[in-house]
Amino acid sequence: MEGQPQRVERPQVEEIEKVLGASFPVLDDGFIRVVDYMGNDQSIVQAARVSYGDGTKTVSQDRGLIRYLLRHRHTTPFEMCEIKFHVRVPMDCWRQWIRHRTANVNEYSTRYSIAIDASQRTAADEWRLQSDDSKQGSAGFLDTTAGAELTRAEQELQDAARRVYAERLEHGIAREQARKDLPLATYTEAYWKVDLHNLLHFLSLRMDMHAQEEIRAYARIMGEQIVAKWCPLTWEAFQDYRMGAMFLTRIDREVLAALGQGGAPAAIETAQRLGILNRGPKGLKNNRERRELEAKMARLNLSVPWADESTKRE
């Protein structure tokens, strides 16, 4: 009847329907499950056009619009899609995860329930060494002989902690107090519901090579095995404009422009003027912004103009 609201069907994505409720294993005892979802690529397009007209645009036009939206950071249409996960994750990893506050969360409570009897364990060849140039990063691995000893000690520690926890419960100690000495490696579970815009932000940070490996394992599965199937046009644009892109600061842009126009001498002069090439008695002073620019130059296959001096830092 004319003037009546048009019926709207709930979008369904066949590839996600196939895995709905199925567990994707992560680490040694963790998992990710898709509990429910709302929307798809077409929902993003509809929101951007404020139209429910089916078939009014071609797939190529839809793809072009989604790419434009993501490229120019028009985020609201991506908030029209939501997804709910059930995750099982070590508590130390969950501490980083929960910092992403733009989501709805309900976590397993060890005040009301007995703690999950599982802890994330480290194989002998998985003990990472502290990075020399990053306080929060790692670089390389401990040799497996020493690693095997650490793995043995880890298992003893976790088993002892669990035994003490169980003894407290047997004595009738309140669960909220009995749990206090459980290791951060203990697994917890949560429902995590998030819109696509904020999920992509989570993935851009947690899939990054600088993120901790354990949370990267979860992020990779969320991105590559779930989002890529749920919203493939958006995932393609995300790969092109976020994960595969490079952010240039004003300083980066001016130094690179000088390099292209006047070569190494001009780039060095510009870097000095902008304060990222300060020198001391023993060589270049340490400068994080300059190191980041050098990494960007390496990605672009450009020689660092001051490379010889960079090896003689204070």
C-alpha atoms as a PDB file:
ATOM      1  CA  MET A   1       0.000   0.000   0.000  1.00  0.00           C
ATOM      2  CA  GLU A   2       1.296   3.439  -0.922  1.00  0.00           C
ATOM      3  CA  GLY A   3       2.752   5.349   2.015  1.00  0.00           C
ATOM      4  CA  GLN A   4       3.400   2.224   4.088  1.00  0.00           C
ATOM      5  CA  PRO A   5       6.923   1.578   5.445  1.00  0.00           C
ATOM      6  CA  GLN A   6       8.957  -0.695   3.211  1.00  0.00           C
ATOM      7  CA  ARG A   7       9.800  -4.090   4.684  1.00  0.00           C
ATOM      8  CA  VAL A   8      13.514  -4.521   5.338  1.00  0.00           C
ATOM      9  CA  GLU A   9      15.060  -7.986   5.458  1.00  0.00           C
ATOM     10  CA  ARG A  10      17.815  -8.688   7.976  1.00  0.00           C
ATOM     11  CA  PRO A  11      21.120  -8.963   6.082  1.00  0.00           C
ATOM     12  CA  GLN A  12      22.700 -12.394   6.223  1.00  0.00           C
ATOM     13  CA  VAL A  13      26.243 -13.321   5.261  1.00  0.00           C
ATOM     14  CA  GLU A  14      26.490 -16.953   4.219  1.00  0.00           C
ATOM     15  CA  GLU A  15      30.167 -17.308   5.126  1.00  0.00           C
ATOM     16  CA  ILE A  16      29.521 -16.044   8.673  1.00  0.00           C
ATOM     17  CA  GLU A  17      26.373 -18.130   9.062  1.00  0.00           C
ATOM     18  CA  LYS A  18      28.554 -21.199   8.430  1.00  0.00           C
ATOM     19  CA  VAL A  19      30.830 -20.431  11.403  1.00  0.00           C
ATOM     20  CA  LEU A  20      28.252 -18.935  13.773  1.00  0.00           C
ATOM     21  CA  GLY A  21      28.920 -20.483  17.187  1.00  0.00           C
ATOM     22  CA  ALA A  22      31.986 -22.410  16.003  1.00  0.00           C
ATOM     23  CA  SER A  23      35.220 -22.001  17.976  1.00  0.00           C
ATOM     24  CA  PHE A  24      38.393 -20.699  16.377  1.00  0.00           C
ATOM     25  CA  PRO A  25      41.259 -21.974  18.574  1.00  0.00           C
ATOM     26  CA  VAL A  26      43.846 -19.435  19.713  1.00  0.00           C
ATOM     27  CA  LEU A  27      47.071 -20.019  21.674  1.00  0.00           C
ATOM     28  CA  ASP A  28      47.084 -23.280  23.635  1.00  0.00           C
ATOM     29  CA  ASP A  29      43.609 -23.160  25.202  1.00  0.00           C
ATOM     30  CA  GLY A  30      41.909 -19.970  24.027  1.00  0.00           C
ATOM     31  CA  PHE A  31      39.211 -19.471  21.426  1.00  0.00           C
ATOM     32  CA  ILE A  32      37.040 -16.968  19.569  1.00  0.00           C
ATOM     33  CA  ARG A  33      33.395 -17.608  18.664  1.00  0.00           C
ATOM     34  CA  VAL A  34      31.010 -15.400  16.711  1.00  0.00           C
ATOM     35  CA  VAL A  35      27.782 -15.344  18.743  1.00  0.00           C
ATOM     36  CA  ASP A  36      25.786 -12.949  16.576  1.00  0.00           C
ATOM     37  CA  TYR A  37      26.197 -10.161  14.043  1.00  0.00           C
ATOM     38  CA  MET A  38      24.214  -7.345  12.485  1.00  0.00           C
ATOM     39  CA  GLY A  39      24.700  -5.846   9.035  1.00  0.00           C
ATOM     40  CA  ASN A  40      27.154  -6.358   6.196  1.00  0.00           C
ATOM     41  CA  ASP A  41      28.888  -4.308   3.496  1.00  0.00           C
ATOM     42  CA  GLN A  42      25.513  -3.356   2.056  1.00  0.00           C
ATOM     43  CA  SER A  43      24.426  -1.946   5.430  1.00  0.00           C
ATOM     44  CA  ILE A  44      27.367   0.458   5.311  1.00  0.00           C
ATOM     45  CA  VAL A  45      26.394   1.557   1.811  1.00  0.00           C
ATOM     46  CA  GLN A  46      22.755   2.012   2.799  1.00  0.00           C
ATOM     47  CA  ALA A  47      23.689   4.114   5.818  1.00  0.00           C
ATOM     48  CA  ALA A  48      25.941   6.320   3.723  1.00  0.00           C
ATOM     49  CA  ARG A  49      23.223   6.855   1.114  1.00  0.00           C
ATOM     50  CA  VAL A  50      20.373   6.969   3.622  1.00  0.00           C
ATOM     51  CA  SER A  51      18.453   4.701   1.259  1.00  0.00           C
ATOM     52  CA  TYR A  52      16.919   1.236   1.327  1.00  0.00           C
ATOM     53  CA  GLY A  53      16.687   0.925  -2.439  1.00  0.00           C
ATOM     54  CA  ASP A  54      17.764  -2.582  -3.376  1.00  0.00           C
ATOM     55  CA  GLY A  55      19.784  -2.911  -6.543  1.00  0.00           C
ATOM     56  CA  THR A  56      19.988   0.806  -7.199  1.00  0.00           C
ATOM     57  CA  LYS A  57      23.788   0.660  -7.336  1.00  0.00           C
ATOM     58  CA  THR A  58      26.239  -1.866  -8.740  1.00  0.00           C
ATOM     59  CA  VAL A  59      28.727  -3.854  -6.675  1.00  0.00           C
ATOM     60  CA  SER A  60      31.561  -1.813  -8.151  1.00  0.00           C
ATOM     61  CA  GLN A  61      29.831   1.400  -7.058  1.00  0.00           C
ATOM     62  CA  ASP A  62      29.275  -0.036  -3.584  1.00  0.00           C
ATOM     63  CA  ARG A  63      32.934  -0.982  -3.413  1.00  0.00           C
ATOM     64  CA  GLY A  64      33.978   2.474  -4.544  1.00  0.00           C
ATOM     65  CA  LEU A  65      31.807   4.142  -1.893  1.00  0.00           C
ATOM     66  CA  ILE A  66      33.111   1.917   0.925  1.00  0.00           C
ATOM     67  CA  ARG A  67      36.685   2.608  -0.140  1.00  0.00           C
ATOM     68  CA  TYR A  68      35.982   6.343  -0.255  1.00  0.00           C
ATOM     69  CA  LEU A  69      34.436   6.279   3.224  1.00  0.00           C
ATOM     70  CA  LEU A  70      37.345   4.415   4.777  1.00  0.00           C
ATOM     71  CA  ARG A  71      39.975   6.374   2.878  1.00  0.00           C
ATOM     72  CA  HIS A  72      38.572   9.692   4.074  1.00  0.00           C
ATOM     73  CA  ARG A  73      37.745   8.463   7.597  1.00  0.00           C
ATOM     74  CA  HIS A  74      33.971   8.844   7.357  1.00  0.00           C
ATOM     75  CA  THR A  75      33.390   6.423  10.211  1.00  0.00           C
ATOM     76  CA  THR A  76      29.689   6.634  11.070  1.00  0.00           C
ATOM     77  CA  PRO A  77      28.411   4.260   8.339  1.00  0.00           C
ATOM     78  CA  PHE A  78      30.727   1.524   9.655  1.00  0.00           C
ATOM     79  CA  GLU A  79      29.066   1.834  13.068  1.00  0.00           C
ATOM     80  CA  MET A  80      25.888   0.411  11.497  1.00  0.00           C
ATOM     81  CA  CYS A  81      27.462  -3.076  11.605  1.00  0.00           C
ATOM     82  CA  GLU A  82      27.955  -4.886  14.905  1.00  0.00           C
ATOM     83  CA  ILE A  83      29.326  -8.254  15.925  1.00  0.00           C
ATOM     84  CA  LYS A  84      29.332 -10.159  19.217  1.00  0.00           C
ATOM     85  CA  PHE A  85      32.196 -12.469  20.142  1.00  0.00           C
ATOM     86  CA  HIS A  86      32.641 -15.009  22.901  1.00  0.00           C
ATOM     87  CA  VAL A  87      36.360 -15.116  23.698  1.00  0.00           C
ATOM     88  CA  ARG A  88      38.580 -17.147  25.982  1.00  0.00           C
ATOM     89  CA  VAL A  89      41.810 -15.300  26.640  1.00  0.00           C
ATOM     90  CA  PRO A  90      44.645 -15.160  29.218  1.00  0.00           C
ATOM     91  CA  MET A  91      44.127 -12.411  31.799  1.00  0.00           C
ATOM     92  CA  ASP A  92      47.355 -10.567  30.934  1.00  0.00           C
ATOM     93  CA  CYS A  93      46.232 -10.403  27.313  1.00  0.00           C
ATOM     94  CA  TRP A  94      42.722  -9.404  28.397  1.00  0.00           C
ATOM     95  CA  ARG A  95      44.155  -6.427  30.302  1.00  0.00           C
ATOM     96  CA  GLN A  96      45.312  -4.967  26.985  1.00  0.00           C
ATOM     97  CA  TRP A  97      42.092  -5.949  25.246  1.00  0.00           C
ATOM     98  CA  ILE A  98      39.818  -4.241  27.786  1.00  0.00           C
ATOM     99  CA  ARG A  99      41.618  -0.929  27.253  1.00  0.00           C
ATOM    100  CA  HIS A 100      39.530  -0.672  24.074  1.00  0.00           C
ATOM    101  CA  ARG A 101      36.561   0.847  25.856  1.00  0.00           C
ATOM    102  CA  THR A 102      34.298   1.392  22.845  1.00  0.00           C
ATOM    103  CA  ALA A 103      32.598  -1.991  23.179  1.00  0.00           C
ATOM    104  CA  ASN A 104      30.019  -3.748  25.349  1.00  0.00           C
ATOM    105  CA  VAL A 105      31.617  -6.298  27.652  1.00  0.00           C
ATOM    106  CA  ASN A 106      30.470  -8.933  30.096  1.00  0.00           C
ATOM    107  CA  GLU A 107      33.298 -10.995  31.617  1.00  0.00           C
ATOM    108  CA  TYR A 108      33.343 -14.266  33.524  1.00  0.00           C
ATOM    109  CA  SER A 109      33.428 -13.386  37.229  1.00  0.00           C
ATOM    110  CA  THR A 110      35.679 -15.246  39.650  1.00  0.00           C
ATOM    111  CA  ARG A 111      33.766 -13.613  42.520  1.00  0.00           C
ATOM    112  CA  TYR A 112      30.722 -15.697  41.635  1.00  0.00           C
ATOM    113  CA  SER A 113      32.258 -18.676  39.841  1.00  0.00           C
ATOM    114  CA  ILE A 114      35.316 -20.871  40.281  1.00  0.00           C
ATOM    115  CA  ALA A 115      38.196 -19.673  38.104  1.00  0.00           C
ATOM    116  CA  ILE A 116      38.674 -21.468  34.803  1.00  0.00           C
ATOM    117  CA  ASP A 117      41.104 -24.338  35.340  1.00  0.00           C
ATOM    118  CA  ALA A 118      43.454 -23.449  32.490  1.00  0.00           C
ATOM    119  CA  SER A 119      46.497 -21.224  32.140  1.00  0.00           C
ATOM    120  CA  GLN A 120      48.344 -20.190  29.022  1.00  0.00           C
ATOM    121  CA  ARG A 121      51.687 -21.978  28.861  1.00  0.00           C
ATOM    122  CA  THR A 122      54.823 -21.165  26.932  1.00  0.00           C
ATOM    123  CA  ALA A 123      56.683 -23.682  24.792  1.00  0.00           C
ATOM    124  CA  ALA A 124      60.441 -23.965  25.168  1.00  0.00           C
ATOM    125  CA  ASP A 125      61.045 -22.165  21.869  1.00  0.00           C
ATOM    126  CA  GLU A 126      58.564 -19.339  22.553  1.00  0.00           C
ATOM    127  CA  TRP A 127      60.365 -17.346  25.271  1.00  0.00           C
ATOM    128  CA  ARG A 128      60.924 -13.904  23.743  1.00  0.00           C
ATOM    129  CA  LEU A 129      63.826 -11.638  24.733  1.00  0.00           C
ATOM    130  CA  GLN A 130      63.417  -8.003  25.761  1.00  0.00           C
ATOM    131  CA  SER A 131      63.980  -5.539  22.936  1.00  0.00           C
ATOM    132  CA  ASP A 132      66.952  -3.201  23.334  1.00  0.00           C
ATOM    133  CA  ASP A 133      65.162  -0.215  21.782  1.00  0.00           C
ATOM    134  CA  SER A 134      61.598  -0.731  23.013  1.00  0.00           C
ATOM    135  CA  LYS A 135      60.626  -0.892  26.675  1.00  0.00           C
ATOM    136  CA  GLN A 136      57.365  -2.676  25.827  1.00  0.00           C
ATOM    137  CA  GLY A 137      58.550  -4.927  23.013  1.00  0.00           C
ATOM    138  CA  SER A 138      60.488  -8.100  22.367  1.00  0.00           C
ATOM    139  CA  ALA A 139      63.127  -9.146  19.865  1.00  0.00           C
ATOM    140  CA  GLY A 140      64.409 -12.661  19.226  1.00  0.00           C
ATOM    141  CA  PHE A 141      64.078 -15.797  21.334  1.00  0.00           C
ATOM    142  CA  LEU A 142      65.883 -17.509  24.167  1.00  0.00           C
ATOM    143  CA  ASP A 143      67.652 -20.718  23.208  1.00  0.00           C
ATOM    144  CA  THR A 144      65.452 -23.788  23.640  1.00  0.00           C
ATOM    145  CA  THR A 145      67.654 -25.415  26.289  1.00  0.00           C
ATOM    146  CA  ALA A 146      67.219 -22.509  28.680  1.00  0.00           C
ATOM    147  CA  GLY A 147      63.644 -22.135  27.445  1.00  0.00           C
ATOM    148  CA  ALA A 148      62.820 -25.705  28.437  1.00  0.00           C
ATOM    149  CA  GLU A 149      63.892 -24.956  32.018  1.00  0.00           C
ATOM    150  CA  LEU A 150      61.686 -21.846  32.104  1.00  0.00           C
ATOM    151  CA  THR A 151      58.764 -23.843  30.744  1.00  0.00           C
ATOM    152  CA  ARG A 152      59.226 -26.463  33.451  1.00  0.00           C
ATOM    153  CA  ALA A 153      59.353 -23.779  36.149  1.00  0.00           C
ATOM    154  CA  GLU A 154      56.284 -22.095  34.660  1.00  0.00           C
ATOM    155  CA  GLN A 155      54.265 -25.296  34.887  1.00  0.00           C
ATOM    156  CA  GLU A 156      55.338 -25.858  38.495  1.00  0.00           C
ATOM    157  CA  LEU A 157      54.358 -22.299  39.423  1.00  0.00           C
ATOM    158  CA  GLN A 158      50.960 -22.514  37.732  1.00  0.00           C
ATOM    159  CA  ASP A 159      50.215 -25.931  39.249  1.00  0.00           C
ATOM    160  CA  ALA A 160      51.188 -24.676  42.734  1.00  0.00           C
ATOM    161  CA  ALA A 161      49.014 -21.567  42.364  1.00  0.00           C
ATOM    162  CA  ARG A 162      46.057 -23.674  41.312  1.00  0.00           C
ATOM    163  CA  ARG A 163      46.611 -26.079  44.193  1.00  0.00           C
ATOM    164  CA  VAL A 164      46.693 -23.223  46.732  1.00  0.00           C
ATOM    165  CA  TYR A 165      43.530 -21.760  45.182  1.00  0.00           C
ATOM    166  CA  ALA A 166      41.730 -25.116  45.419  1.00  0.00           C
ATOM    167  CA  GLU A 167      42.816 -25.539  49.056  1.00  0.00           C
ATOM    168  CA  ARG A 168      41.370 -22.159  49.953  1.00  0.00           C
ATOM    169  CA  LEU A 169      38.064 -23.065  48.352  1.00  0.00           C
ATOM    170  CA  GLU A 170      38.018 -26.370  50.257  1.00  0.00           C
ATOM    171  CA  HIS A 171      38.411 -24.398  53.493  1.00  0.00           C
ATOM    172  CA  GLY A 172      35.403 -22.309  52.551  1.00  0.00           C
ATOM    173  CA  ILE A 173      37.347 -19.134  51.768  1.00  0.00           C
ATOM    174  CA  ALA A 174      35.282 -16.642  49.734  1.00  0.00           C
ATOM    175  CA  ARG A 175      35.931 -16.940  46.011  1.00  0.00           C
ATOM    176  CA  GLU A 176      36.668 -13.212  45.767  1.00  0.00           C
ATOM    177  CA  GLN A 177      39.620 -13.678  48.149  1.00  0.00           C
ATOM    178  CA  ALA A 178      40.727 -17.166  47.213  1.00  0.00           C
ATOM    179  CA  ARG A 179      41.501 -16.007  43.660  1.00  0.00           C
ATOM    180  CA  LYS A 180      44.020 -13.308  44.602  1.00  0.00           C
ATOM    181  CA  ASP A 181      47.184 -15.324  43.886  1.00  0.00           C
ATOM    182  CA  LEU A 182      46.120 -16.838  40.575  1.00  0.00           C
ATOM    183  CA  PRO A 183      48.645 -16.000  37.824  1.00  0.00           C
ATOM    184  CA  LEU A 184      47.839 -13.582  35.012  1.00  0.00           C
ATOM    185  CA  ALA A 185      48.203 -16.509  32.630  1.00  0.00           C
ATOM    186  CA  THR A 186      44.859 -17.867  33.905  1.00  0.00           C
ATOM    187  CA  TYR A 187      42.229 -17.881  31.189  1.00  0.00           C
ATOM    188  CA  THR A 188      39.112 -15.767  31.459  1.00  0.00           C
ATOM    189  CA  GLU A 189      36.068 -15.605  29.188  1.00  0.00           C
ATOM    190  CA  ALA A 190      33.931 -12.708  28.025  1.00  0.00           C
ATOM    191  CA  TYR A 191      31.273 -11.620  25.602  1.00  0.00           C
ATOM    192  CA  TRP A 192      32.570  -8.676  23.577  1.00  0.00           C
ATOM    193  CA  LYS A 193      30.166  -6.768  21.315  1.00  0.00           C
ATOM    194  CA  VAL A 194      31.569  -4.029  19.125  1.00  0.00           C
ATOM    195  CA  ASP A 195      30.640  -2.059  16.022  1.00  0.00           C
ATOM    196  CA  LEU A 196      32.707  -2.457  12.874  1.00  0.00           C
ATOM    197  CA  HIS A 197      34.327   0.982  13.080  1.00  0.00           C
ATOM    198  CA  ASN A 198      35.729   0.324  16.554  1.00  0.00           C
ATOM    199  CA  LEU A 199      36.617  -3.264  15.676  1.00  0.00           C
ATOM    200  CA  LEU A 200      38.746  -2.013  12.782  1.00  0.00           C
ATOM    201  CA  HIS A 201      40.474   0.398  15.171  1.00  0.00           C
ATOM    202  CA  PHE A 202      41.155  -2.517  17.539  1.00  0.00           C
ATOM    203  CA  LEU A 203      42.554  -4.593  14.678  1.00  0.00           C
ATOM    204  CA  SER A 204      44.737  -1.785  13.338  1.00  0.00           C
ATOM    205  CA  LEU A 205      46.473  -1.592  16.728  1.00  0.00           C
ATOM    206  CA  ARG A 206      46.476  -5.256  17.735  1.00  0.00           C
ATOM    207  CA  MET A 207      47.451  -6.740  14.375  1.00  0.00           C
ATOM    208  CA  ASP A 208      50.371  -4.324  14.154  1.00  0.00           C
ATOM    209  CA  MET A 209      53.816  -5.898  14.308  1.00  0.00           C
ATOM    210  CA  HIS A 210      54.579  -3.920  17.473  1.00  0.00           C
ATOM    211  CA  ALA A 211      51.648  -5.402  19.409  1.00  0.00           C
ATOM    212  CA  GLN A 212      52.211  -8.265  21.859  1.00  0.00           C
ATOM    213  CA  GLU A 213      52.214 -11.594  20.035  1.00  0.00           C
ATOM    214  CA  GLU A 214      49.495 -13.173  22.184  1.00  0.00           C
ATOM    215  CA  ILE A 215      46.904 -10.493  21.426  1.00  0.00           C
ATOM    216  CA  ARG A 216      48.027 -10.400  17.793  1.00  0.00           C
ATOM    217  CA  ALA A 217      47.049 -14.064  17.570  1.00  0.00           C
ATOM    218  CA  TYR A 218      43.476 -13.164  18.517  1.00  0.00           C
ATOM    219  CA  ALA A 219      43.391 -10.094  16.279  1.00  0.00           C
ATOM    220  CA  ARG A 220      44.637 -12.014  13.229  1.00  0.00           C
ATOM    221  CA  ILE A 221      41.845 -14.579  13.538  1.00  0.00           C
ATOM    222  CA  MET A 222      39.228 -11.872  14.093  1.00  0.00           C
ATOM    223  CA  GLY A 223      40.422 -10.014  11.036  1.00  0.00           C
ATOM    224  CA  GLU A 224      41.537 -12.656   8.559  1.00  0.00           C
ATOM    225  CA  GLN A 225      39.023 -15.389   9.341  1.00  0.00           C
ATOM    226  CA  ILE A 226      35.964 -13.423  10.468  1.00  0.00           C
ATOM    227  CA  VAL A 227      35.834  -9.788   9.322  1.00  0.00           C
ATOM    228  CA  ALA A 228      37.243 -10.721   5.910  1.00  0.00           C
ATOM    229  CA  LYS A 229      34.248 -13.051   5.406  1.00  0.00           C
ATOM    230  CA  TRP A 230      31.680 -10.827   7.093  1.00  0.00           C
ATOM    231  CA  CYS A 231      32.417  -7.555   5.233  1.00  0.00           C
ATOM    232  CA  PRO A 232      34.858  -8.410   2.418  1.00  0.00           C
ATOM    233  CA  LEU A 233      34.679  -5.030   0.657  1.00  0.00           C
ATOM    234  CA  THR A 234      35.416  -3.236   3.920  1.00  0.00           C
ATOM    235  CA  TRP A 235      38.225  -5.669   4.749  1.00  0.00           C
ATOM    236  CA  GLU A 236      39.848  -5.051   1.366  1.00  0.00           C
ATOM    237  CA  ALA A 237      39.712  -1.282   1.920  1.00  0.00           C
ATOM    238  CA  PHE A 238      41.017  -1.698   5.473  1.00  0.00           C
ATOM    239  CA  GLN A 239      44.029  -3.610   4.168  1.00  0.00           C
ATOM    240  CA  ASP A 240      44.745  -0.910   1.595  1.00  0.00           C
ATOM    241  CA  TYR A 241      44.117   2.197   3.695  1.00  0.00           C
ATOM    242  CA  ARG A 242      45.018   1.134   7.222  1.00  0.00           C
ATOM    243  CA  MET A 243      47.238  -1.944   7.517  1.00  0.00           C
ATOM    244  CA  GLY A 244      49.076  -1.392   4.234  1.00  0.00           C
ATOM    245  CA  ALA A 245      49.186   2.394   4.484  1.00  0.00           C
ATOM    246  CA  MET A 246      51.793   4.707   5.947  1.00  0.00           C
ATOM    247  CA  PHE A 247      51.169   7.787   8.066  1.00  0.00           C
ATOM    248  CA  LEU A 248      53.432  10.746   7.344  1.00  0.00           C
ATOM    249  CA  THR A 249      53.849  13.564   9.837  1.00  0.00           C
ATOM    250  CA  ARG A 250      54.545  17.116   8.720  1.00  0.00           C
ATOM    251  CA  ILE A 251      58.224  16.569   9.518  1.00  0.00           C
ATOM    252  CA  ASP A 252      58.272  13.314   7.524  1.00  0.00           C
ATOM    253  CA  ARG A 253      56.662  15.011   4.540  1.00  0.00           C
ATOM    254  CA  GLU A 254      59.051  17.987   4.564  1.00  0.00           C
ATOM    255  CA  VAL A 255      62.166  15.801   4.829  1.00  0.00           C
ATOM    256  CA  LEU A 256      60.973  13.459   2.074  1.00  0.00           C
ATOM    257  CA  ALA A 257      60.018  16.400  -0.146  1.00  0.00           C
ATOM    258  CA  ALA A 258      63.477  17.898   0.363  1.00  0.00           C
ATOM    259  CA  LEU A 259      65.054  14.540  -0.453  1.00  0.00           C
ATOM    260  CA  GLY A 260      63.102  14.310  -3.698  1.00  0.00           C
ATOM    261  CA  GLN A 261      63.868  17.869  -4.736  1.00  0.00           C
ATOM    262  CA  GLY A 262      67.413  18.433  -3.556  1.00  0.00           C
ATOM    263  CA  GLY A 263      68.793  15.039  -2.655  1.00  0.00           C
ATOM    264  CA  ALA A 264      70.575  14.002   0.532  1.00  0.00           C
ATOM    265  CA  PRO A 265      72.113  17.412   1.404  1.00  0.00           C
ATOM    266  CA  ALA A 266      68.695  19.101   1.269  1.00  0.00           C
ATOM    267  CA  ALA A 267      67.101  16.331   3.360  1.00  0.00           C
ATOM    268  CA  ILE A 268      69.839  16.582   5.992  1.00  0.00           C
ATOM    269  CA  GLU A 269      69.513  20.360   6.141  1.00  0.00           C
ATOM    270  CA  THR A 270      65.718  20.083   6.529  1.00  0.00           C
ATOM    271  CA  ALA A 271      66.010  17.403   9.237  1.00  0.00           C
ATOM    272  CA  GLN A 272      68.436  19.619  11.150  1.00  0.00           C
ATOM    273  CA  ARG A 273      66.121  22.606  10.875  1.00  0.00           C
ATOM    274  CA  LEU A 274      63.188  20.551  12.131  1.00  0.00           C
ATOM    275  CA  GLY A 275      65.130  19.301  15.149  1.00  0.00           C
ATOM    276  CA  ILE A 276      65.378  15.570  14.499  1.00  0.00           C
ATOM    277  CA  LEU A 277      69.059  15.501  13.548  1.00  0.00           C
ATOM    278  CA  ASN A 278      70.741  16.970  16.602  1.00  0.00           C
ATOM    279  CA  ARG A 279      74.328  15.971  17.160  1.00  0.00           C
ATOM    280  CA  GLY A 280      76.414  15.447  20.266  1.00  0.00           C
ATOM    281  CA  PRO A 281      80.113  14.721  20.887  1.00  0.00           C
ATOM    282  CA  LYS A 282      79.666  11.026  20.012  1.00  0.00           C
ATOM    283  CA  GLY A 283      77.350  11.400  17.038  1.00  0.00           C
ATOM    284  CA  LEU A 284      73.620  11.792  16.501  1.00  0.00           C
ATOM    285  CA  LYS A 285      71.518  12.131  19.613  1.00  0.00           C
ATOM    286  CA  ASN A 286      68.868   9.505  20.077  1.00  0.00           C
ATOM    287  CA  ASN A 287      65.564  10.665  18.574  1.00  0.00           C
ATOM    288  CA  ARG A 288      62.507   8.413  18.356  1.00  0.00           C
ATOM    289  CA  GLU A 289      60.810  10.522  15.678  1.00  0.00           C
ATOM    290  CA  ARG A 290      63.882  10.266  13.457  1.00  0.00           C
ATOM    291  CA  ARG A 291      64.062   6.495  13.966  1.00  0.00           C
ATOM    292  CA  GLU A 292      60.437   6.205  12.903  1.00  0.00           C
ATOM    293  CA  LEU A 293      61.152   8.271   9.786  1.00  0.00           C
ATOM    294  CA  GLU A 294      64.131   6.040   9.001  1.00  0.00           C
ATOM    295  CA  ALA A 295      61.840   2.992   9.224  1.00  0.00           C
ATOM    296  CA  LYS A 296      59.404   4.622   6.800  1.00  0.00           C
ATOM    297  CA  MET A 297      62.247   5.360   4.400  1.00  0.00           C
ATOM    298  CA  ALA A 298      63.274   1.699   4.561  1.00  0.00           C
ATOM    299  CA  ARG A 299      59.717   0.645   3.649  1.00  0.00           C
ATOM    300  CA  LEU A 300      59.887   2.987   0.653  1.00  0.00           C
ATOM    301  CA  ASN A 301      63.292   1.574  -0.382  1.00  0.00           C
ATOM    302  CA  LEU A 302      64.919   4.975   0.180  1.00  0.00           C
ATOM    303  CA  SER A 303      68.438   5.369   1.493  1.00  0.00           C
ATOM    304  CA  VAL A 304      68.637   7.296   4.751  1.00  0.00           C
ATOM    305  CA  PRO A 305      70.664  10.448   3.942  1.00  0.00           C
ATOM    306  CA  TRP A 306      72.409  10.472   7.318  1.00  0.00           C
ATOM    307  CA  ALA A 307      72.830   6.670   7.501  1.00  0.00           C
ATOM    308  CA  ASP A 308      76.567   6.776   8.253  1.00  0.00           C
ATOM    309  CA  GLU A 309      75.990   9.036  11.242  1.00  0.00           C
ATOM    310  CA  SER A 310      73.027   6.987  12.533  1.00  0.00           C
ATOM    311  CA  THR A 311      75.378   4.187  13.533  1.00  0.00           C
ATOM    312  CA  LYS A 312      77.253   6.577  15.855  1.00  0.00           C
ATOM    313  CA  ARG A 313      74.545   7.546  18.294  1.00  0.00           C
ATOM    314  CA  GLU A 314      75.007   8.764  21.852  1.00  0.00           C
END
